[in-house]
Amino acid sequence: GTYYTDSVKGRFTISRDNDKSTLYLQMNELKPEDTAVYYCTGW
């Protein structure tokens, strides 16, 4: 499934396309506290 930290729950949506080996993050209702460097990671 998908998992979120509480501060972004309901605003962000994570998804992936395995056929394209691509990860996405849709970010809505952005707030100043969302300002950051965002890293894609594979575990």
PDB file of all heavy atoms in Angstrom:
ATOM      1  N   GLY A   1       0.798  -1.208   0.000  1.00  0.00           N
ATOM      2  CA  GLY A   1       0.000   0.000   0.000  1.00  0.00           C
ATOM      3  C   GLY A   1       0.831   1.258   0.000  1.00  0.00           C
ATOM      4  O   GLY A   1       2.016   1.242  -0.355  1.00  0.00           O
ATOM      5  N   THR A   2       0.202   2.352   0.391  1.00  0.00           N
ATOM      6  CA  THR A   2       0.852   3.651   0.455  1.00  0.00           C
ATOM      7  C   THR A   2       0.821   4.175   1.878  1.00  0.00           C
ATOM      8  O   THR A   2      -0.108   3.884   2.644  1.00  0.00           O
ATOM      9  CB  THR A   2       0.188   4.659  -0.495  1.00  0.00           C
ATOM     10  OG1 THR A   2      -1.206   4.795  -0.142  1.00  0.00           O
ATOM     11  CG2 THR A   2       0.275   4.187  -1.934  1.00  0.00           C
ATOM     12  N   TYR A   3       1.823   4.998   2.209  1.00  0.00           N
ATOM     13  CA  TYR A   3       2.000   5.453   3.589  1.00  0.00           C
ATOM     14  C   TYR A   3       2.467   6.898   3.587  1.00  0.00           C
ATOM     15  O   TYR A   3       3.219   7.318   2.706  1.00  0.00           O
ATOM     16  CB  TYR A   3       3.026   4.561   4.296  1.00  0.00           C
ATOM     17  CG  TYR A   3       2.762   3.091   4.070  1.00  0.00           C
ATOM     18  CD1 TYR A   3       3.344   2.427   2.990  1.00  0.00           C
ATOM     19  CD2 TYR A   3       1.922   2.375   4.911  1.00  0.00           C
ATOM     20  CE1 TYR A   3       3.085   1.083   2.758  1.00  0.00           C
ATOM     21  CE2 TYR A   3       1.658   1.035   4.688  1.00  0.00           C
ATOM     22  CZ  TYR A   3       2.244   0.394   3.625  1.00  0.00           C
ATOM     23  OH  TYR A   3       1.984  -0.936   3.389  1.00  0.00           O
ATOM     24  N   TYR A   4       2.022   7.671   4.604  1.00  0.00           N
ATOM     25  CA  TYR A   4       2.316   9.088   4.661  1.00  0.00           C
ATOM     26  C   TYR A   4       2.588   9.526   6.088  1.00  0.00           C
ATOM     27  O   TYR A   4       1.984   9.018   7.038  1.00  0.00           O
ATOM     28  CB  TYR A   4       1.143   9.919   4.132  1.00  0.00           C
ATOM     29  CG  TYR A   4       0.726   9.571   2.732  1.00  0.00           C
ATOM     30  CD1 TYR A   4      -0.249   8.609   2.498  1.00  0.00           C
ATOM     31  CD2 TYR A   4       1.301  10.210   1.637  1.00  0.00           C
ATOM     32  CE1 TYR A   4      -0.634   8.281   1.209  1.00  0.00           C
ATOM     33  CE2 TYR A   4       0.920   9.886   0.348  1.00  0.00           C
ATOM     34  CZ  TYR A   4      -0.046   8.921   0.139  1.00  0.00           C
ATOM     35  OH  TYR A   4      -0.424   8.604  -1.143  1.00  0.00           O
ATOM     36  N   THR A   5       3.467  10.500   6.242  1.00  0.00           N
ATOM     37  CA  THR A   5       3.614  11.156   7.522  1.00  0.00           C
ATOM     38  C   THR A   5       2.387  12.041   7.749  1.00  0.00           C
ATOM     39  O   THR A   5       1.763  12.514   6.796  1.00  0.00           O
ATOM     40  CB  THR A   5       4.921  11.971   7.576  1.00  0.00           C
ATOM     41  OG1 THR A   5       5.173  12.384   8.918  1.00  0.00           O
ATOM     42  CG2 THR A   5       4.848  13.188   6.677  1.00  0.00           C
ATOM     43  N   ASP A   6       2.017  12.244   9.008  1.00  0.00           N
ATOM     44  CA  ASP A   6       0.763  12.928   9.332  1.00  0.00           C
ATOM     45  C   ASP A   6       0.658  14.325   8.718  1.00  0.00           C
ATOM     46  O   ASP A   6      -0.436  14.752   8.328  1.00  0.00           O
ATOM     47  CB  ASP A   6       0.588  13.023  10.846  1.00  0.00           C
ATOM     48  CG  ASP A   6       0.193  11.704  11.480  1.00  0.00           C
ATOM     49  OD1 ASP A   6      -0.233  10.792  10.747  1.00  0.00           O
ATOM     50  OD2 ASP A   6       0.304  11.595  12.718  1.00  0.00           O
ATOM     51  N   SER A   7       1.746  15.035   8.633  1.00  0.00           N
ATOM     52  CA  SER A   7       1.706  16.417   8.175  1.00  0.00           C
ATOM     53  C   SER A   7       1.324  16.574   6.703  1.00  0.00           C
ATOM     54  O   SER A   7       0.920  17.660   6.286  1.00  0.00           O
ATOM     55  CB  SER A   7       3.047  17.109   8.438  1.00  0.00           C
ATOM     56  OG  SER A   7       4.082  16.517   7.678  1.00  0.00           O
ATOM     57  N   VAL A   8       1.438  15.510   5.913  1.00  0.00           N
ATOM     58  CA  VAL A   8       1.101  15.592   4.491  1.00  0.00           C
ATOM     59  C   VAL A   8      -0.112  14.753   4.127  1.00  0.00           C
ATOM     60  O   VAL A   8      -0.580  14.816   2.983  1.00  0.00           O
ATOM     61  CB  VAL A   8       2.290  15.190   3.594  1.00  0.00           C
ATOM     62  CG1 VAL A   8       3.540  15.958   3.985  1.00  0.00           C
ATOM     63  CG2 VAL A   8       2.533  13.687   3.635  1.00  0.00           C
ATOM     64  N   LYS A   9      -0.632  14.006   5.069  1.00  0.00           N
ATOM     65  CA  LYS A   9      -1.766  13.126   4.811  1.00  0.00           C
ATOM     66  C   LYS A   9      -2.972  13.937   4.325  1.00  0.00           C
ATOM     67  O   LYS A   9      -3.348  14.935   4.931  1.00  0.00           O
ATOM     68  CB  LYS A   9      -2.113  12.344   6.072  1.00  0.00           C
ATOM     69  CG  LYS A   9      -2.875  11.055   5.827  1.00  0.00           C
ATOM     70  CD  LYS A   9      -2.934  10.198   7.098  1.00  0.00           C
ATOM     71  CE  LYS A   9      -1.548   9.753   7.538  1.00  0.00           C
ATOM     72  NZ  LYS A   9      -1.588   8.922   8.774  1.00  0.00           N
ATOM     73  N   GLY A  10      -3.572  13.503   3.226  1.00  0.00           N
ATOM     74  CA  GLY A  10      -4.698  14.206   2.640  1.00  0.00           C
ATOM     75  C   GLY A  10      -4.308  15.260   1.625  1.00  0.00           C
ATOM     76  O   GLY A  10      -5.174  15.758   0.895  1.00  0.00           O
ATOM     77  N   ARG A  11      -3.043  15.623   1.574  1.00  0.00           N
ATOM     78  CA  ARG A  11      -2.546  16.617   0.625  1.00  0.00           C
ATOM     79  C   ARG A  11      -1.641  16.017  -0.443  1.00  0.00           C
ATOM     80  O   ARG A  11      -1.651  16.456  -1.593  1.00  0.00           O
ATOM     81  CB  ARG A  11      -1.792  17.729   1.351  1.00  0.00           C
ATOM     82  CG  ARG A  11      -2.634  18.491   2.361  1.00  0.00           C
ATOM     83  CD  ARG A  11      -1.885  19.709   2.892  1.00  0.00           C
ATOM     84  NE  ARG A  11      -0.676  19.335   3.630  1.00  0.00           N
ATOM     85  CZ  ARG A  11       0.557  19.726   3.301  1.00  0.00           C
ATOM     86  NH1 ARG A  11       0.754  20.500   2.244  1.00  0.00           N
ATOM     87  NH2 ARG A  11       1.594  19.354   4.045  1.00  0.00           N
ATOM     88  N   PHE A  12      -0.837  15.029  -0.069  1.00  0.00           N
ATOM     89  CA  PHE A  12       0.111  14.405  -0.988  1.00  0.00           C
ATOM     90  C   PHE A  12      -0.380  13.019  -1.390  1.00  0.00           C
ATOM     91  O   PHE A  12      -1.021  12.315  -0.596  1.00  0.00           O
ATOM     92  CB  PHE A  12       1.482  14.250  -0.337  1.00  0.00           C
ATOM     93  CG  PHE A  12       2.232  15.531  -0.080  1.00  0.00           C
ATOM     94  CD1 PHE A  12       1.623  16.771  -0.242  1.00  0.00           C
ATOM     95  CD2 PHE A  12       3.554  15.483   0.326  1.00  0.00           C
ATOM     96  CE1 PHE A  12       2.322  17.945   0.004  1.00  0.00           C
ATOM     97  CE2 PHE A  12       4.265  16.642   0.572  1.00  0.00           C
ATOM     98  CZ  PHE A  12       3.650  17.874   0.413  1.00  0.00           C
ATOM     99  N   THR A  13      -0.049  12.616  -2.609  1.00  0.00           N
ATOM    100  CA  THR A  13      -0.374  11.288  -3.097  1.00  0.00           C
ATOM    101  C   THR A  13       0.845  10.688  -3.782  1.00  0.00           C
ATOM    102  O   THR A  13       1.363  11.265  -4.740  1.00  0.00           O
ATOM    103  CB  THR A  13      -1.549  11.309  -4.082  1.00  0.00           C
ATOM    104  OG1 THR A  13      -2.697  11.901  -3.463  1.00  0.00           O
ATOM    105  CG2 THR A  13      -1.901   9.891  -4.517  1.00  0.00           C
ATOM    106  N   ILE A  14       1.285   9.539  -3.290  1.00  0.00           N
ATOM    107  CA  ILE A  14       2.411   8.845  -3.893  1.00  0.00           C
ATOM    108  C   ILE A  14       1.885   7.772  -4.845  1.00  0.00           C
ATOM    109  O   ILE A  14       0.853   7.152  -4.598  1.00  0.00           O
ATOM    110  CB  ILE A  14       3.329   8.229  -2.815  1.00  0.00           C
ATOM    111  CG1 ILE A  14       4.645   7.723  -3.423  1.00  0.00           C
ATOM    112  CG2 ILE A  14       2.614   7.111  -2.062  1.00  0.00           C
ATOM    113  CD1 ILE A  14       5.679   7.314  -2.376  1.00  0.00           C
ATOM    114  N   SER A  15       2.587   7.568  -5.945  1.00  0.00           N
ATOM    115  CA  SER A  15       2.217   6.537  -6.905  1.00  0.00           C
ATOM    116  C   SER A  15       3.459   6.080  -7.650  1.00  0.00           C
ATOM    117  O   SER A  15       4.522   6.711  -7.555  1.00  0.00           O
ATOM    118  CB  SER A  15       1.145   7.039  -7.884  1.00  0.00           C
ATOM    119  OG  SER A  15       1.620   8.140  -8.635  1.00  0.00           O
ATOM    120  N   ARG A  16       3.332   4.989  -8.379  1.00  0.00           N
ATOM    121  CA  ARG A  16       4.462   4.479  -9.143  1.00  0.00           C
ATOM    122  C   ARG A  16       3.977   3.805 -10.407  1.00  0.00           C
ATOM    123  O   ARG A  16       2.857   3.286 -10.472  1.00  0.00           O
ATOM    124  CB  ARG A  16       5.301   3.506  -8.304  1.00  0.00           C
ATOM    125  CG  ARG A  16       4.570   2.222  -7.931  1.00  0.00           C
ATOM    126  CD  ARG A  16       5.308   1.450  -6.834  1.00  0.00           C
ATOM    127  NE  ARG A  16       6.601   0.963  -7.277  1.00  0.00           N
ATOM    128  CZ  ARG A  16       7.534   0.475  -6.463  1.00  0.00           C
ATOM    129  NH1 ARG A  16       7.316   0.443  -5.145  1.00  0.00           N
ATOM    130  NH2 ARG A  16       8.683   0.037  -6.955  1.00  0.00           N
ATOM    131  N   ASP A  17       4.818   3.804 -11.410  1.00  0.00           N
ATOM    132  CA  ASP A  17       4.573   3.093 -12.658  1.00  0.00           C
ATOM    133  C   ASP A  17       5.737   2.134 -12.847  1.00  0.00           C
ATOM    134  O   ASP A  17       6.822   2.540 -13.268  1.00  0.00           O
ATOM    135  CB  ASP A  17       4.463   4.070 -13.826  1.00  0.00           C
ATOM    136  CG  ASP A  17       4.055   3.396 -15.124  1.00  0.00           C
ATOM    137  OD1 ASP A  17       4.266   2.182 -15.267  1.00  0.00           O
ATOM    138  OD2 ASP A  17       3.517   4.088 -16.004  1.00  0.00           O
ATOM    139  N   ASN A  18       5.518   0.874 -12.511  1.00  0.00           N
ATOM    140  CA  ASN A  18       6.599  -0.106 -12.581  1.00  0.00           C
ATOM    141  C   ASN A  18       7.062  -0.367 -14.013  1.00  0.00           C
ATOM    142  O   ASN A  18       8.231  -0.677 -14.235  1.00  0.00           O
ATOM    143  CB  ASN A  18       6.175  -1.416 -11.917  1.00  0.00           C
ATOM    144  CG  ASN A  18       6.124  -1.317 -10.407  1.00  0.00           C
ATOM    145  OD1 ASN A  18       6.732  -0.431  -9.808  1.00  0.00           O
ATOM    146  ND2 ASN A  18       5.392  -2.226  -9.776  1.00  0.00           N
ATOM    147  N   ASP A  19       6.153  -0.261 -14.972  1.00  0.00           N
ATOM    148  CA  ASP A  19       6.533  -0.459 -16.372  1.00  0.00           C
ATOM    149  C   ASP A  19       7.503   0.614 -16.843  1.00  0.00           C
ATOM    150  O   ASP A  19       8.320   0.371 -17.729  1.00  0.00           O
ATOM    151  CB  ASP A  19       5.304  -0.470 -17.275  1.00  0.00           C
ATOM    152  CG  ASP A  19       4.441  -1.704 -17.080  1.00  0.00           C
ATOM    153  OD1 ASP A  19       4.957  -2.728 -16.586  1.00  0.00           O
ATOM    154  OD2 ASP A  19       3.248  -1.655 -17.429  1.00  0.00           O
ATOM    155  N   LYS A  20       7.404   1.800 -16.257  1.00  0.00           N
ATOM    156  CA  LYS A  20       8.284   2.911 -16.613  1.00  0.00           C
ATOM    157  C   LYS A  20       9.379   3.154 -15.585  1.00  0.00           C
ATOM    158  O   LYS A  20      10.189   4.072 -15.753  1.00  0.00           O
ATOM    159  CB  LYS A  20       7.473   4.188 -16.805  1.00  0.00           C
ATOM    160  CG  LYS A  20       6.476   4.121 -17.942  1.00  0.00           C
ATOM    161  CD  LYS A  20       5.709   5.431 -18.074  1.00  0.00           C
ATOM    162  CE  LYS A  20       4.730   5.383 -19.235  1.00  0.00           C
ATOM    163  NZ  LYS A  20       3.954   6.644 -19.360  1.00  0.00           N
ATOM    164  N   SER A  21       9.405   2.347 -14.519  1.00  0.00           N
ATOM    165  CA  SER A  21      10.369   2.513 -13.426  1.00  0.00           C
ATOM    166  C   SER A  21      10.401   3.964 -12.938  1.00  0.00           C
ATOM    167  O   SER A  21      11.470   4.571 -12.791  1.00  0.00           O
ATOM    168  CB  SER A  21      11.767   2.057 -13.867  1.00  0.00           C
ATOM    169  OG  SER A  21      11.784   0.668 -14.122  1.00  0.00           O
ATOM    170  N   THR A  22       9.218   4.495 -12.673  1.00  0.00           N
ATOM    171  CA  THR A  22       9.093   5.892 -12.278  1.00  0.00           C
ATOM    172  C   THR A  22       8.225   6.026 -11.034  1.00  0.00           C
ATOM    173  O   THR A  22       7.181   5.377 -10.925  1.00  0.00           O
ATOM    174  CB  THR A  22       8.507   6.739 -13.416  1.00  0.00           C
ATOM    175  OG1 THR A  22       9.329   6.611 -14.578  1.00  0.00           O
ATOM    176  CG2 THR A  22       8.450   8.202 -13.020  1.00  0.00           C
ATOM    177  N   LEU A  23       8.663   6.856 -10.114  1.00  0.00           N
ATOM    178  CA  LEU A  23       7.945   7.175  -8.884  1.00  0.00           C
ATOM    179  C   LEU A  23       7.431   8.602  -8.973  1.00  0.00           C
ATOM    180  O   LEU A  23       8.117   9.472  -9.520  1.00  0.00           O
ATOM    181  CB  LEU A  23       8.884   7.027  -7.690  1.00  0.00           C
ATOM    182  CG  LEU A  23       8.332   7.379  -6.307  1.00  0.00           C
ATOM    183  CD1 LEU A  23       7.345   6.318  -5.847  1.00  0.00           C
ATOM    184  CD2 LEU A  23       9.470   7.540  -5.310  1.00  0.00           C
ATOM    185  N   TYR A  24       6.248   8.855  -8.406  1.00  0.00           N
ATOM    186  CA  TYR A  24       5.639  10.174  -8.453  1.00  0.00           C
ATOM    187  C   TYR A  24       5.213  10.625  -7.061  1.00  0.00           C
ATOM    188  O   TYR A  24       4.951   9.809  -6.178  1.00  0.00           O
ATOM    189  CB  TYR A  24       4.400  10.177  -9.349  1.00  0.00           C
ATOM    190  CG  TYR A  24       4.633   9.695 -10.751  1.00  0.00           C
ATOM    191  CD1 TYR A  24       4.361   8.377 -11.106  1.00  0.00           C
ATOM    192  CD2 TYR A  24       5.123  10.556 -11.728  1.00  0.00           C
ATOM    193  CE1 TYR A  24       4.572   7.933 -12.395  1.00  0.00           C
ATOM    194  CE2 TYR A  24       5.337  10.111 -13.021  1.00  0.00           C
ATOM    195  CZ  TYR A  24       5.058   8.800 -13.352  1.00  0.00           C
ATOM    196  OH  TYR A  24       5.267   8.365 -14.637  1.00  0.00           O
ATOM    197  N   LEU A  25       5.127  11.932  -6.891  1.00  0.00           N
ATOM    198  CA  LEU A  25       4.524  12.513  -5.704  1.00  0.00           C
ATOM    199  C   LEU A  25       3.699  13.721  -6.129  1.00  0.00           C
ATOM    200  O   LEU A  25       4.261  14.742  -6.542  1.00  0.00           O
ATOM    201  CB  LEU A  25       5.577  12.928  -4.675  1.00  0.00           C
ATOM    202  CG  LEU A  25       5.024  13.426  -3.339  1.00  0.00           C
ATOM    203  CD1 LEU A  25       4.332  12.287  -2.589  1.00  0.00           C
ATOM    204  CD2 LEU A  25       6.135  14.026  -2.474  1.00  0.00           C
ATOM    205  N   GLN A  26       2.382  13.596  -6.041  1.00  0.00           N
ATOM    206  CA  GLN A  26       1.484  14.710  -6.299  1.00  0.00           C
ATOM    207  C   GLN A  26       1.316  15.483  -5.006  1.00  0.00           C
ATOM    208  O   GLN A  26       0.885  14.934  -3.996  1.00  0.00           O
ATOM    209  CB  GLN A  26       0.133  14.213  -6.808  1.00  0.00           C
ATOM    210  CG  GLN A  26      -0.885  15.311  -7.067  1.00  0.00           C
ATOM    211  CD  GLN A  26      -0.469  16.228  -8.198  1.00  0.00           C
ATOM    212  OE1 GLN A  26      -0.052  15.760  -9.250  1.00  0.00           O
ATOM    213  NE2 GLN A  26      -0.575  17.526  -7.976  1.00  0.00           N
ATOM    214  N   MET A  27       1.647  16.765  -5.033  1.00  0.00           N
ATOM    215  CA  MET A  27       1.632  17.604  -3.847  1.00  0.00           C
ATOM    216  C   MET A  27       0.611  18.720  -4.039  1.00  0.00           C
ATOM    217  O   MET A  27       0.774  19.572  -4.910  1.00  0.00           O
ATOM    218  CB  MET A  27       3.021  18.193  -3.590  1.00  0.00           C
ATOM    219  CG  MET A  27       4.129  17.149  -3.616  1.00  0.00           C
ATOM    220  SD  MET A  27       5.793  17.870  -3.692  1.00  0.00           S
ATOM    221  CE  MET A  27       5.904  18.589  -2.072  1.00  0.00           C
ATOM    222  N   ASN A  28      -0.443  18.707  -3.242  1.00  0.00           N
ATOM    223  CA  ASN A  28      -1.493  19.716  -3.296  1.00  0.00           C
ATOM    224  C   ASN A  28      -1.537  20.508  -2.003  1.00  0.00           C
ATOM    225  O   ASN A  28      -0.997  20.085  -0.979  1.00  0.00           O
ATOM    226  CB  ASN A  28      -2.851  19.063  -3.548  1.00  0.00           C
ATOM    227  CG  ASN A  28      -2.923  18.314  -4.849  1.00  0.00           C
ATOM    228  OD1 ASN A  28      -2.312  18.707  -5.839  1.00  0.00           O
ATOM    229  ND2 ASN A  28      -3.685  17.231  -4.868  1.00  0.00           N
ATOM    230  N   GLU A  29      -2.197  21.663  -2.051  1.00  0.00           N
ATOM    231  CA  GLU A  29      -2.370  22.518  -0.879  1.00  0.00           C
ATOM    232  C   GLU A  29      -1.041  22.748  -0.172  1.00  0.00           C
ATOM    233  O   GLU A  29      -0.930  22.621   1.049  1.00  0.00           O
ATOM    234  CB  GLU A  29      -3.385  21.905   0.082  1.00  0.00           C
ATOM    235  CG  GLU A  29      -4.756  21.654  -0.540  1.00  0.00           C
ATOM    236  CD  GLU A  29      -5.672  20.854   0.366  1.00  0.00           C
ATOM    237  OE1 GLU A  29      -5.784  21.208   1.561  1.00  0.00           O
ATOM    238  OE2 GLU A  29      -6.270  19.872  -0.106  1.00  0.00           O
ATOM    239  N   LEU A  30      -0.047  23.121  -0.938  1.00  0.00           N
ATOM    240  CA  LEU A  30       1.299  23.275  -0.399  1.00  0.00           C
ATOM    241  C   LEU A  30       1.385  24.417   0.603  1.00  0.00           C
ATOM    242  O   LEU A  30       0.734  25.451   0.452  1.00  0.00           O
ATOM    243  CB  LEU A  30       2.293  23.483  -1.531  1.00  0.00           C
ATOM    244  CG  LEU A  30       2.639  22.197  -2.295  1.00  0.00           C
ATOM    245  CD1 LEU A  30       3.233  22.518  -3.656  1.00  0.00           C
ATOM    246  CD2 LEU A  30       3.596  21.344  -1.476  1.00  0.00           C
ATOM    247  N   LYS A  31       2.192  24.197   1.620  1.00  0.00           N
ATOM    248  CA  LYS A  31       2.398  25.148   2.702  1.00  0.00           C
ATOM    249  C   LYS A  31       3.867  25.555   2.761  1.00  0.00           C
ATOM    250  O   LYS A  31       4.729  24.804   2.317  1.00  0.00           O
ATOM    251  CB  LYS A  31       1.984  24.527   4.041  1.00  0.00           C
ATOM    252  CG  LYS A  31       0.559  24.009   4.081  1.00  0.00           C
ATOM    253  CD  LYS A  31       0.281  23.294   5.393  1.00  0.00           C
ATOM    254  CE  LYS A  31      -1.142  22.782   5.443  1.00  0.00           C
ATOM    255  NZ  LYS A  31      -1.421  22.069   6.721  1.00  0.00           N
ATOM    256  N   PRO A  32       4.162  26.721   3.329  1.00  0.00           N
ATOM    257  CA  PRO A  32       5.568  27.133   3.450  1.00  0.00           C
ATOM    258  C   PRO A  32       6.437  26.096   4.156  1.00  0.00           C
ATOM    259  O   PRO A  32       7.612  25.949   3.804  1.00  0.00           O
ATOM    260  CB  PRO A  32       5.484  28.430   4.255  1.00  0.00           C
ATOM    261  CG  PRO A  32       4.157  28.993   3.898  1.00  0.00           C
ATOM    262  CD  PRO A  32       3.250  27.800   3.761  1.00  0.00           C
ATOM    263  N   GLU A  33       5.889  25.378   5.119  1.00  0.00           N
ATOM    264  CA  GLU A  33       6.659  24.369   5.828  1.00  0.00           C
ATOM    265  C   GLU A  33       6.988  23.140   4.985  1.00  0.00           C
ATOM    266  O   GLU A  33       7.749  22.272   5.419  1.00  0.00           O
ATOM    267  CB  GLU A  33       5.953  23.938   7.128  1.00  0.00           C
ATOM    268  CG  GLU A  33       4.507  23.534   6.944  1.00  0.00           C
ATOM    269  CD  GLU A  33       3.528  24.649   7.279  1.00  0.00           C
ATOM    270  OE1 GLU A  33       3.767  25.798   6.864  1.00  0.00           O
ATOM    271  OE2 GLU A  33       2.524  24.365   7.964  1.00  0.00           O
ATOM    272  N   ASP A  34       6.431  23.053   3.776  1.00  0.00           N
ATOM    273  CA  ASP A  34       6.796  21.994   2.844  1.00  0.00           C
ATOM    274  C   ASP A  34       8.084  22.311   2.091  1.00  0.00           C
ATOM    275  O   ASP A  34       8.597  21.456   1.365  1.00  0.00           O
ATOM    276  CB  ASP A  34       5.679  21.741   1.831  1.00  0.00           C
ATOM    277  CG  ASP A  34       4.418  21.187   2.472  1.00  0.00           C
ATOM    278  OD1 ASP A  34       4.526  20.317   3.364  1.00  0.00           O
ATOM    279  OD2 ASP A  34       3.319  21.626   2.076  1.00  0.00           O
ATOM    280  N   THR A  35       8.584  23.525   2.238  1.00  0.00           N
ATOM    281  CA  THR A  35       9.829  23.915   1.579  1.00  0.00           C
ATOM    282  C   THR A  35      10.964  23.000   2.026  1.00  0.00           C
ATOM    283  O   THR A  35      11.248  22.879   3.216  1.00  0.00           O
ATOM    284  CB  THR A  35      10.172  25.372   1.894  1.00  0.00           C
ATOM    285  OG1 THR A  35       9.171  26.227   1.339  1.00  0.00           O
ATOM    286  CG2 THR A  35      11.530  25.753   1.314  1.00  0.00           C
ATOM    287  N   ALA A  36      11.604  22.349   1.068  1.00  0.00           N
ATOM    288  CA  ALA A  36      12.655  21.389   1.383  1.00  0.00           C
ATOM    289  C   ALA A  36      13.260  20.857   0.099  1.00  0.00           C
ATOM    290  O   ALA A  36      12.725  21.052  -0.993  1.00  0.00           O
ATOM    291  CB  ALA A  36      12.094  20.218   2.209  1.00  0.00           C
ATOM    292  N   VAL A  37      14.380  20.169   0.247  1.00  0.00           N
ATOM    293  CA  VAL A  37      14.900  19.332  -0.821  1.00  0.00           C
ATOM    294  C   VAL A  37      14.246  17.968  -0.683  1.00  0.00           C
ATOM    295  O   VAL A  37      14.283  17.366   0.393  1.00  0.00           O
ATOM    296  CB  VAL A  37      16.431  19.204  -0.762  1.00  0.00           C
ATOM    297  CG1 VAL A  37      16.936  18.235  -1.827  1.00  0.00           C
ATOM    298  CG2 VAL A  37      17.083  20.570  -0.941  1.00  0.00           C
ATOM    299  N   TYR A  38      13.642  17.494  -1.750  1.00  0.00           N
ATOM    300  CA  TYR A  38      12.948  16.211  -1.743  1.00  0.00           C
ATOM    301  C   TYR A  38      13.790  15.163  -2.445  1.00  0.00           C
ATOM    302  O   TYR A  38      14.211  15.355  -3.590  1.00  0.00           O
ATOM    303  CB  TYR A  38      11.583  16.340  -2.420  1.00  0.00           C
ATOM    304  CG  TYR A  38      10.551  17.029  -1.558  1.00  0.00           C
ATOM    305  CD1 TYR A  38      10.642  18.388  -1.291  1.00  0.00           C
ATOM    306  CD2 TYR A  38       9.495  16.313  -1.002  1.00  0.00           C
ATOM    307  CE1 TYR A  38       9.712  19.017  -0.476  1.00  0.00           C
ATOM    308  CE2 TYR A  38       8.554  16.937  -0.195  1.00  0.00           C
ATOM    309  CZ  TYR A  38       8.667  18.282   0.062  1.00  0.00           C
ATOM    310  OH  TYR A  38       7.741  18.912   0.862  1.00  0.00           O
ATOM    311  N   TYR A  39      14.020  14.046  -1.753  1.00  0.00           N
ATOM    312  CA  TYR A  39      14.835  12.962  -2.268  1.00  0.00           C
ATOM    313  C   TYR A  39      13.985  11.742  -2.588  1.00  0.00           C
ATOM    314  O   TYR A  39      13.129  11.349  -1.791  1.00  0.00           O
ATOM    315  CB  TYR A  39      15.898  12.545  -1.251  1.00  0.00           C
ATOM    316  CG  TYR A  39      16.886  13.625  -0.896  1.00  0.00           C
ATOM    317  CD1 TYR A  39      16.690  14.439   0.213  1.00  0.00           C
ATOM    318  CD2 TYR A  39      18.026  13.829  -1.669  1.00  0.00           C
ATOM    319  CE1 TYR A  39      17.594  15.425   0.547  1.00  0.00           C
ATOM    320  CE2 TYR A  39      18.941  14.813  -1.339  1.00  0.00           C
ATOM    321  CZ  TYR A  39      18.723  15.608  -0.232  1.00  0.00           C
ATOM    322  OH  TYR A  39      19.629  16.582   0.100  1.00  0.00           O
ATOM    323  N   CYS A  40      14.234  11.142  -3.716  1.00  0.00           N
ATOM    324  CA  CYS A  40      13.669   9.857  -4.086  1.00  0.00           C
ATOM    325  C   CYS A  40      14.592   8.760  -3.574  1.00  0.00           C
ATOM    326  O   CYS A  40      15.812   8.817  -3.802  1.00  0.00           O
ATOM    327  CB  CYS A  40      13.544   9.792  -5.616  1.00  0.00           C
ATOM    328  SG  CYS A  40      13.086   8.192  -6.288  1.00  0.00           S
ATOM    329  N   THR A  41      14.037   7.774  -2.862  1.00  0.00           N
ATOM    330  CA  THR A  41      14.856   6.696  -2.307  1.00  0.00           C
ATOM    331  C   THR A  41      14.234   5.337  -2.602  1.00  0.00           C
ATOM    332  O   THR A  41      13.014   5.188  -2.622  1.00  0.00           O
ATOM    333  CB  THR A  41      15.034   6.830  -0.788  1.00  0.00           C
ATOM    334  OG1 THR A  41      13.801   6.546  -0.115  1.00  0.00           O
ATOM    335  CG2 THR A  41      15.496   8.233  -0.421  1.00  0.00           C
ATOM    336  N   GLY A  42      15.087   4.345  -2.824  1.00  0.00           N
ATOM    337  CA  GLY A  42      14.661   2.964  -2.999  1.00  0.00           C
ATOM    338  C   GLY A  42      15.257   2.106  -1.906  1.00  0.00           C
ATOM    339  O   GLY A  42      16.476   2.126  -1.695  1.00  0.00           O
ATOM    340  N   TRP A  43      14.403   1.354  -1.210  1.00  0.00           N
ATOM    341  CA  TRP A  43      14.853   0.531  -0.078  1.00  0.00           C
ATOM    342  C   TRP A  43      14.713  -0.945  -0.436  1.00  0.00           C
ATOM    343  O   TRP A  43      13.618  -1.429  -0.725  1.00  0.00           O
ATOM    344  CB  TRP A  43      14.041   0.842   1.178  1.00  0.00           C
ATOM    345  CG  TRP A  43      14.185   2.255   1.657  1.00  0.00           C
ATOM    346  CD1 TRP A  43      15.107   3.172   1.248  1.00  0.00           C
ATOM    347  CD2 TRP A  43      13.381   2.911   2.630  1.00  0.00           C
ATOM    348  NE1 TRP A  43      14.925   4.363   1.899  1.00  0.00           N
ATOM    349  CE2 TRP A  43      13.873   4.231   2.763  1.00  0.00           C
ATOM    350  CE3 TRP A  43      12.294   2.519   3.402  1.00  0.00           C
ATOM    351  CZ2 TRP A  43      13.319   5.150   3.631  1.00  0.00           C
ATOM    352  CZ3 TRP A  43      11.730   3.437   4.284  1.00  0.00           C
ATOM    353  CH2 TRP A  43      12.248   4.739   4.392  1.00  0.00           C
TER     354      TRP A  43
END
